[in-house]
Amino acid sequence: IGFNMPLYIGVSTKNRDGSNRGHRSRDVKILRDDQVEFFSGHSTIPSCTYFNILGVTSHGRRFFALALGSGVGGVYTAREGGAICGASSGETEMKIDQALRQAKKAQANGQLAEARDIYLQILTKYPKNSKARAGLAELSAANPPNPAEIQQLIGLFQARKFREAAQFGTKLAQQHPDVAVIHNVLGATFAAMGQGENAEQAYCRAIKLDPKNAEIHANLARYYQGVQAHDQAIQCFQTALKFAPNNPTLHYNIGLSQQILGQIGSAIKSYQKTLGLNANLPEAWNNLGVVRQMDGDFVGALEGYHKSLKLRNNYAEAHNN
């Protein structure tokens, strides 16, 4: 899925825990890619709180609402463990088993919505419960997501309606936990909202579901760039290159992280690979000029700046360099 959004300018000054300690603004540009875009925002989502409700009666049928969450992102932030309503570990497992049997019975009777609700309620509190995940996956296989809903989610993201996208995407991810594109868009959404842990987990879930998708690896890499984790960013971009070896943007962003880390020789090679694949990228020529200048190659630096300006005459950064 391509996100045709504005260019992400600069590197986020947030740490992975959301703070700004030890960072200052960097005047570095991350090249726009027609396939993947990343945005950095500052709004937050409320952390999930859970209400343990047992033995709820709905239309005369007993089911188990094990943990109803408020907020968004619960599909990623909920933790396993803990007693329900003061129950011991053994009692909790028994109640979960009862809920699973109830879900299976509802599924067998064609009451798919009720079965799905029970599985989702279990997974909200215990997202790693294998039986609930298997049951929900079985339901999802029989009822794949509506393409219109996927487009709606992407549209919310592209319109920068991040809170609505997070809420809608979380709901879709719970209903269809094995659809990689949902988690990929959620990762970009959480990253834009400054929800780093949720973003990382969403991207990792998407990669687990679709491990050969270069776009998802690149999105995770850009998240790592945004939180200054450049070693991890380089690793993820290099993984993406295994599946898209001729993508100049991947080489460019590897060079960018290498430049920030002070790996000047490697950055020069990465920018050269970028320009070997696409010589019409003024940002790459400018950055190549910068790292050549840092390496003491002033003639090569001038060549990079001049070629950058030839492609974009009003490129202020190249003029300043």
Protein backbone atom coordinates (compact mmCIF):
# COMPACT_ATOMS: atom_id res chain seq x y z
CA ILE A 1 0.00 0.00 0.00
CA GLY A 2 1.46 3.36 -0.94
CA PHE A 3 0.97 6.43 1.19
CA ASN A 4 1.15 9.50 -1.04
CA MET A 5 1.75 11.94 1.76
CA PRO A 6 3.99 15.03 2.10
CA LEU A 7 7.72 14.61 2.49
CA TYR A 8 8.87 13.91 6.04
CA ILE A 9 11.42 16.63 6.70
CA GLY A 10 14.00 16.23 9.43
CA VAL A 11 14.64 13.54 12.00
CA SER A 12 12.38 13.38 15.02
CA THR A 13 13.97 14.58 18.24
CA LYS A 14 11.96 12.20 20.40
CA ASN A 15 13.56 9.32 22.24
CA ARG A 16 11.93 5.90 22.03
CA ASP A 17 10.24 6.57 25.39
CA GLY A 18 8.66 9.75 23.95
CA SER A 19 10.95 12.20 25.73
CA ASN A 20 13.26 14.76 24.15
CA ARG A 21 16.26 14.18 26.40
CA GLY A 22 19.66 14.57 24.80
CA HIS A 23 18.40 15.46 21.33
CA ARG A 24 18.44 18.59 19.25
CA SER A 25 16.78 19.27 15.93
CA ARG A 26 18.62 17.97 12.88
CA ASP A 27 18.37 19.61 9.47
CA VAL A 28 18.33 16.35 7.55
CA LYS A 29 15.89 15.32 4.88
CA ILE A 30 14.43 11.86 4.49
CA LEU A 31 13.77 11.25 0.84
CA ARG A 32 10.17 10.85 -0.23
CA ASP A 33 9.25 7.43 -1.56
CA ASP A 34 6.14 6.81 -3.62
CA GLN A 35 5.60 3.61 -1.66
CA VAL A 36 6.27 4.48 1.95
CA GLU A 37 5.88 7.61 3.99
CA PHE A 38 6.43 8.32 7.66
CA PHE A 39 5.15 11.15 9.79
CA SER A 40 6.13 12.34 13.22
CA GLY A 41 3.49 13.81 15.52
CA HIS A 42 3.13 14.80 19.12
CA SER A 43 -0.42 13.86 20.13
CA THR A 44 -0.94 10.89 22.35
CA ILE A 45 -3.48 8.13 22.78
CA PRO A 46 -4.78 7.19 26.23
CA SER A 47 -3.33 3.97 27.50
CA CYS A 48 -5.78 1.12 27.71
CA THR A 49 -7.59 0.45 30.96
CA TYR A 50 -9.41 -2.79 31.45
CA PHE A 51 -12.61 -3.64 33.24
CA ASN A 52 -13.07 -7.26 34.24
CA ILE A 53 -16.66 -8.24 33.69
CA LEU A 54 -17.72 -11.84 34.15
CA GLY A 55 -20.96 -13.67 33.70
CA VAL A 56 -22.71 -11.02 31.64
CA THR A 57 -26.08 -12.10 30.31
CA SER A 58 -27.00 -11.08 26.77
CA HIS A 59 -30.46 -11.99 25.48
CA GLY A 60 -30.57 -14.94 27.87
CA ARG A 61 -27.19 -16.33 26.67
CA ARG A 62 -24.34 -16.34 29.14
CA PHE A 63 -21.01 -15.19 27.80
CA PHE A 64 -17.77 -13.97 29.31
CA ALA A 65 -16.65 -10.37 28.77
CA LEU A 66 -13.19 -11.00 30.16
CA ALA A 67 -11.69 -7.58 29.61
CA LEU A 68 -13.27 -4.63 27.90
CA GLY A 69 -10.71 -1.95 27.07
CA SER A 70 -11.01 1.80 26.78
CA GLY A 71 -8.69 3.81 24.59
CA VAL A 72 -7.01 2.51 21.45
CA GLY A 73 -4.03 0.33 20.77
CA GLY A 74 -5.07 -2.35 23.25
CA VAL A 75 -4.41 -5.04 20.69
CA TYR A 76 -0.72 -4.26 21.16
CA THR A 77 -0.39 -2.97 24.72
CA ALA A 78 -2.43 -5.45 26.72
CA ARG A 79 -0.37 -7.76 28.93
CA GLU A 80 -0.86 -11.43 29.65
CA GLY A 81 -1.43 -12.61 33.18
CA GLY A 82 -3.20 -11.39 36.27
CA ALA A 83 -6.30 -12.67 38.01
CA ILE A 84 -9.79 -11.75 36.82
CA CYS A 85 -12.01 -10.24 39.51
CA GLY A 86 -9.66 -11.52 42.17
CA ALA A 87 -9.66 -15.08 40.85
CA SER A 88 -6.61 -17.27 41.25
CA SER A 89 -4.54 -18.29 38.23
CA GLY A 90 -6.26 -21.68 38.06
CA GLU A 91 -9.71 -20.10 38.33
CA THR A 92 -8.82 -17.62 35.61
CA GLU A 93 -7.73 -20.40 33.26
CA MET A 94 -10.97 -22.25 33.97
CA LYS A 95 -13.07 -19.18 33.18
CA ILE A 96 -11.14 -18.65 29.94
CA ASP A 97 -11.71 -22.29 29.01
CA GLN A 98 -15.43 -21.82 29.67
CA ALA A 99 -15.45 -18.74 27.44
CA LEU A 100 -13.61 -20.62 24.69
CA ARG A 101 -16.16 -23.45 24.83
CA GLN A 102 -18.97 -20.90 24.66
CA ALA A 103 -17.33 -19.30 21.59
CA LYS A 104 -16.97 -22.67 19.88
CA LYS A 105 -20.60 -23.49 20.61
CA ALA A 106 -21.74 -20.14 19.19
CA GLN A 107 -19.59 -20.71 16.11
CA ALA A 108 -21.02 -24.17 15.58
CA ASN A 109 -24.54 -22.75 15.86
CA GLY A 110 -23.78 -20.10 13.23
CA GLN A 111 -23.71 -17.28 15.76
CA LEU A 112 -20.49 -15.89 14.31
CA ALA A 113 -20.79 -12.36 15.67
CA GLU A 114 -21.21 -13.68 19.21
CA ALA A 115 -18.27 -16.07 18.78
CA ARG A 116 -16.10 -13.24 17.47
CA ASP A 117 -17.04 -11.01 20.41
CA ILE A 118 -16.00 -13.67 22.90
CA TYR A 119 -12.64 -14.26 21.18
CA LEU A 120 -11.99 -10.52 21.02
CA GLN A 121 -12.83 -10.10 24.70
CA ILE A 122 -10.36 -12.83 25.61
CA LEU A 123 -7.65 -11.37 23.38
CA THR A 124 -8.13 -7.86 24.72
CA LYS A 125 -6.93 -9.11 28.09
CA TYR A 126 -4.75 -11.98 26.90
CA PRO A 127 -3.52 -11.14 23.37
CA LYS A 128 -1.25 -14.20 23.21
CA ASN A 129 -3.94 -16.76 24.00
CA SER A 130 -3.32 -19.24 21.18
CA LYS A 131 -6.76 -20.85 21.26
CA ALA A 132 -8.58 -17.53 21.02
CA ARG A 133 -6.27 -16.38 18.22
CA ALA A 134 -6.81 -19.62 16.34
CA GLY A 135 -10.56 -19.34 16.73
CA LEU A 136 -10.58 -15.74 15.56
CA ALA A 137 -8.30 -16.58 12.63
CA GLU A 138 -10.72 -19.31 11.60
CA LEU A 139 -13.55 -16.81 11.65
CA SER A 140 -11.45 -14.27 9.75
CA ALA A 141 -10.61 -16.79 7.04
CA ALA A 142 -14.31 -17.37 6.55
CA ASN A 143 -14.97 -13.62 6.63
CA PRO A 144 -12.06 -11.61 5.12
CA PRO A 145 -11.98 -7.84 5.64
CA ASN A 146 -14.02 -5.69 3.33
CA PRO A 147 -11.63 -3.91 0.89
CA ALA A 148 -13.67 -0.76 1.43
CA GLU A 149 -12.78 -0.86 5.13
CA ILE A 150 -9.07 -1.13 4.29
CA GLN A 151 -9.38 1.87 1.97
CA GLN A 152 -11.27 3.74 4.68
CA LEU A 153 -8.42 3.12 7.11
CA ILE A 154 -5.82 4.29 4.58
CA GLY A 155 -7.96 7.34 3.80
CA LEU A 156 -8.11 8.32 7.47
CA PHE A 157 -4.34 8.05 7.68
CA GLN A 158 -3.77 10.06 4.51
CA ALA A 159 -6.16 12.74 5.78
CA ARG A 160 -4.03 12.88 8.96
CA LYS A 161 -7.02 11.91 11.07
CA PHE A 162 -4.73 9.81 13.20
CA ARG A 163 -6.92 9.30 16.25
CA GLU A 164 -9.82 8.09 14.10
CA ALA A 165 -7.43 5.89 12.12
CA ALA A 166 -6.03 4.39 15.33
CA GLN A 167 -9.48 3.62 16.70
CA PHE A 168 -10.81 2.18 13.43
CA GLY A 169 -7.59 0.31 12.68
CA THR A 170 -7.47 -1.23 16.15
CA LYS A 171 -11.02 -2.48 15.66
CA LEU A 172 -10.10 -3.95 12.27
CA ALA A 173 -6.96 -5.55 13.70
CA GLN A 174 -9.02 -7.23 16.39
CA GLN A 175 -11.54 -8.47 13.85
CA HIS A 176 -8.90 -9.52 11.31
CA PRO A 177 -5.67 -10.10 13.28
CA ASP A 178 -3.87 -11.86 10.42
CA VAL A 179 -4.11 -9.12 7.77
CA ALA A 180 -0.69 -7.50 7.43
CA VAL A 181 -1.79 -4.28 5.74
CA ILE A 182 -3.99 -3.33 8.72
CA HIS A 183 -1.04 -3.59 11.11
CA ASN A 184 1.20 -1.75 8.65
CA VAL A 185 -1.15 1.24 8.48
CA LEU A 186 -1.62 1.11 12.24
CA GLY A 187 2.16 1.24 12.64
CA ALA A 188 2.35 4.40 10.56
CA THR A 189 -0.60 5.86 12.46
CA PHE A 190 0.84 5.17 15.90
CA ALA A 191 4.22 6.55 14.78
CA ALA A 192 2.52 9.75 13.63
CA MET A 193 0.83 10.04 17.02
CA GLY A 194 4.09 9.58 18.92
CA GLN A 195 3.03 6.15 20.20
CA GLY A 196 6.40 4.50 19.60
CA GLU A 197 5.83 1.19 21.38
CA ASN A 198 2.53 0.62 19.61
CA ALA A 199 4.07 1.58 16.26
CA GLU A 200 6.98 -0.82 16.67
CA GLN A 201 4.73 -3.68 17.74
CA ALA A 202 2.30 -3.06 14.89
CA TYR A 203 5.08 -3.09 12.30
CA CYS A 204 6.61 -6.23 13.81
CA ARG A 205 3.22 -7.93 13.68
CA ALA A 206 2.85 -6.93 10.02
CA ILE A 207 6.33 -8.27 9.24
CA LYS A 208 5.53 -11.55 10.96
CA LEU A 209 2.46 -11.89 8.74
CA ASP A 210 4.20 -10.74 5.53
CA PRO A 211 7.97 -11.15 6.05
CA LYS A 212 8.95 -10.51 2.42
CA ASN A 213 7.19 -7.16 2.15
CA ALA A 214 9.91 -4.54 1.62
CA GLU A 215 7.52 -1.68 2.33
CA ILE A 216 6.80 -2.85 5.87
CA HIS A 217 10.49 -3.34 6.66
CA ALA A 218 11.14 0.16 5.30
CA ASN A 219 8.35 1.65 7.39
CA LEU A 220 9.79 0.08 10.54
CA ALA A 221 13.23 1.38 9.54
CA ARG A 222 11.86 4.91 9.19
CA TYR A 223 10.30 4.62 12.60
CA TYR A 224 13.74 3.73 13.97
CA GLN A 225 15.24 6.72 12.15
CA GLY A 226 12.63 8.94 13.78
CA VAL A 227 13.66 7.81 17.27
CA GLN A 228 17.38 8.03 16.48
CA ALA A 229 17.87 4.24 16.53
CA HIS A 230 19.97 4.36 13.38
CA ASP A 231 21.74 1.02 13.77
CA GLN A 232 18.36 -0.71 13.85
CA ALA A 233 17.14 1.45 10.98
CA ILE A 234 20.07 0.36 8.82
CA GLN A 235 19.39 -3.30 9.59
CA CYS A 236 15.72 -2.96 8.62
CA PHE A 237 16.53 -1.07 5.41
CA GLN A 238 19.05 -3.75 4.51
CA THR A 239 16.39 -6.41 5.06
CA ALA A 240 14.04 -4.45 2.81
CA LEU A 241 16.76 -4.40 0.14
CA LYS A 242 16.68 -8.20 0.00
CA PHE A 243 13.17 -7.93 -1.42
CA ALA A 244 13.58 -4.66 -3.37
CA PRO A 245 17.30 -4.47 -4.31
CA ASN A 246 16.83 -1.79 -6.96
CA ASN A 247 14.94 0.69 -4.81
CA PRO A 248 17.06 3.87 -4.65
CA THR A 249 15.15 5.24 -1.66
CA LEU A 250 16.30 2.34 0.51
CA HIS A 251 19.95 2.97 -0.38
CA TYR A 252 19.43 6.70 0.22
CA ASN A 253 18.01 6.21 3.70
CA ILE A 254 20.76 3.75 4.62
CA GLY A 255 23.22 6.47 3.61
CA LEU A 256 21.30 9.00 5.70
CA SER A 257 21.56 6.88 8.86
CA GLN A 258 25.20 6.11 8.15
CA GLN A 259 25.86 9.83 7.73
CA ILE A 260 24.21 10.62 11.07
CA LEU A 261 26.26 7.88 12.74
CA GLY A 262 29.44 9.31 11.28
CA GLN A 263 30.06 6.30 9.01
CA ILE A 264 31.22 8.58 6.22
CA GLY A 265 32.83 6.01 3.91
CA SER A 266 29.77 3.78 4.03
CA ALA A 267 27.45 6.76 3.50
CA ILE A 268 29.40 7.78 0.37
CA LYS A 269 28.95 4.28 -1.07
CA SER A 270 25.24 4.25 -0.22
CA TYR A 271 24.61 7.61 -1.90
CA GLN A 272 26.60 6.46 -4.93
CA LYS A 273 24.43 3.32 -5.14
CA THR A 274 21.36 5.55 -4.87
CA LEU A 275 22.47 7.74 -7.75
CA GLY A 276 23.51 4.72 -9.80
CA LEU A 277 19.87 3.64 -9.68
CA ASN A 278 18.40 7.13 -10.10
CA ALA A 279 20.68 10.04 -10.96
CA ASN A 280 17.85 12.60 -10.82
CA LEU A 281 17.64 12.94 -7.03
CA PRO A 282 18.87 16.37 -5.88
CA GLU A 283 18.77 15.33 -2.20
CA ALA A 284 21.11 12.44 -2.88
CA TRP A 285 23.58 14.63 -4.82
CA ASN A 286 23.51 17.23 -2.05
CA ASN A 287 24.10 14.66 0.69
CA LEU A 288 26.86 13.04 -1.35
CA GLY A 289 28.45 16.49 -1.51
CA VAL A 290 28.15 16.84 2.27
CA VAL A 291 29.80 13.52 3.10
CA ARG A 292 32.53 14.05 0.48
CA GLN A 293 33.27 17.41 2.08
CA MET A 294 33.39 15.72 5.50
CA ASP A 295 35.83 13.23 3.99
CA GLY A 296 38.08 16.03 2.71
CA ASP A 297 37.12 15.60 -0.95
CA PHE A 298 36.24 19.22 -1.76
CA VAL A 299 36.27 18.77 -5.53
CA GLY A 300 33.85 15.86 -5.23
CA ALA A 301 31.72 17.87 -2.81
CA LEU A 302 31.40 20.75 -5.29
CA GLU A 303 30.41 18.29 -8.00
CA GLY A 304 27.61 16.97 -5.79
CA TYR A 305 26.31 20.45 -4.94
CA HIS A 306 26.42 21.61 -8.57
CA LYS A 307 24.56 18.54 -9.81
CA SER A 308 21.98 18.98 -7.06
CA LEU A 309 21.40 22.59 -8.11
CA LYS A 310 21.22 21.62 -11.76
CA LEU A 311 18.28 19.40 -10.89
CA ARG A 312 16.69 21.93 -8.52
CA ASN A 313 17.92 25.45 -8.98
CA ASN A 314 16.09 26.83 -5.93
CA TYR A 315 17.45 24.15 -3.57
CA ALA A 316 18.44 26.41 -0.66
CA GLU A 317 20.36 23.77 1.25
CA ALA A 318 22.62 23.01 -1.72
CA HIS A 319 23.19 26.76 -2.27
CA ASN A 320 24.19 27.14 1.40
CA ASN A 321 26.55 24.18 1.23
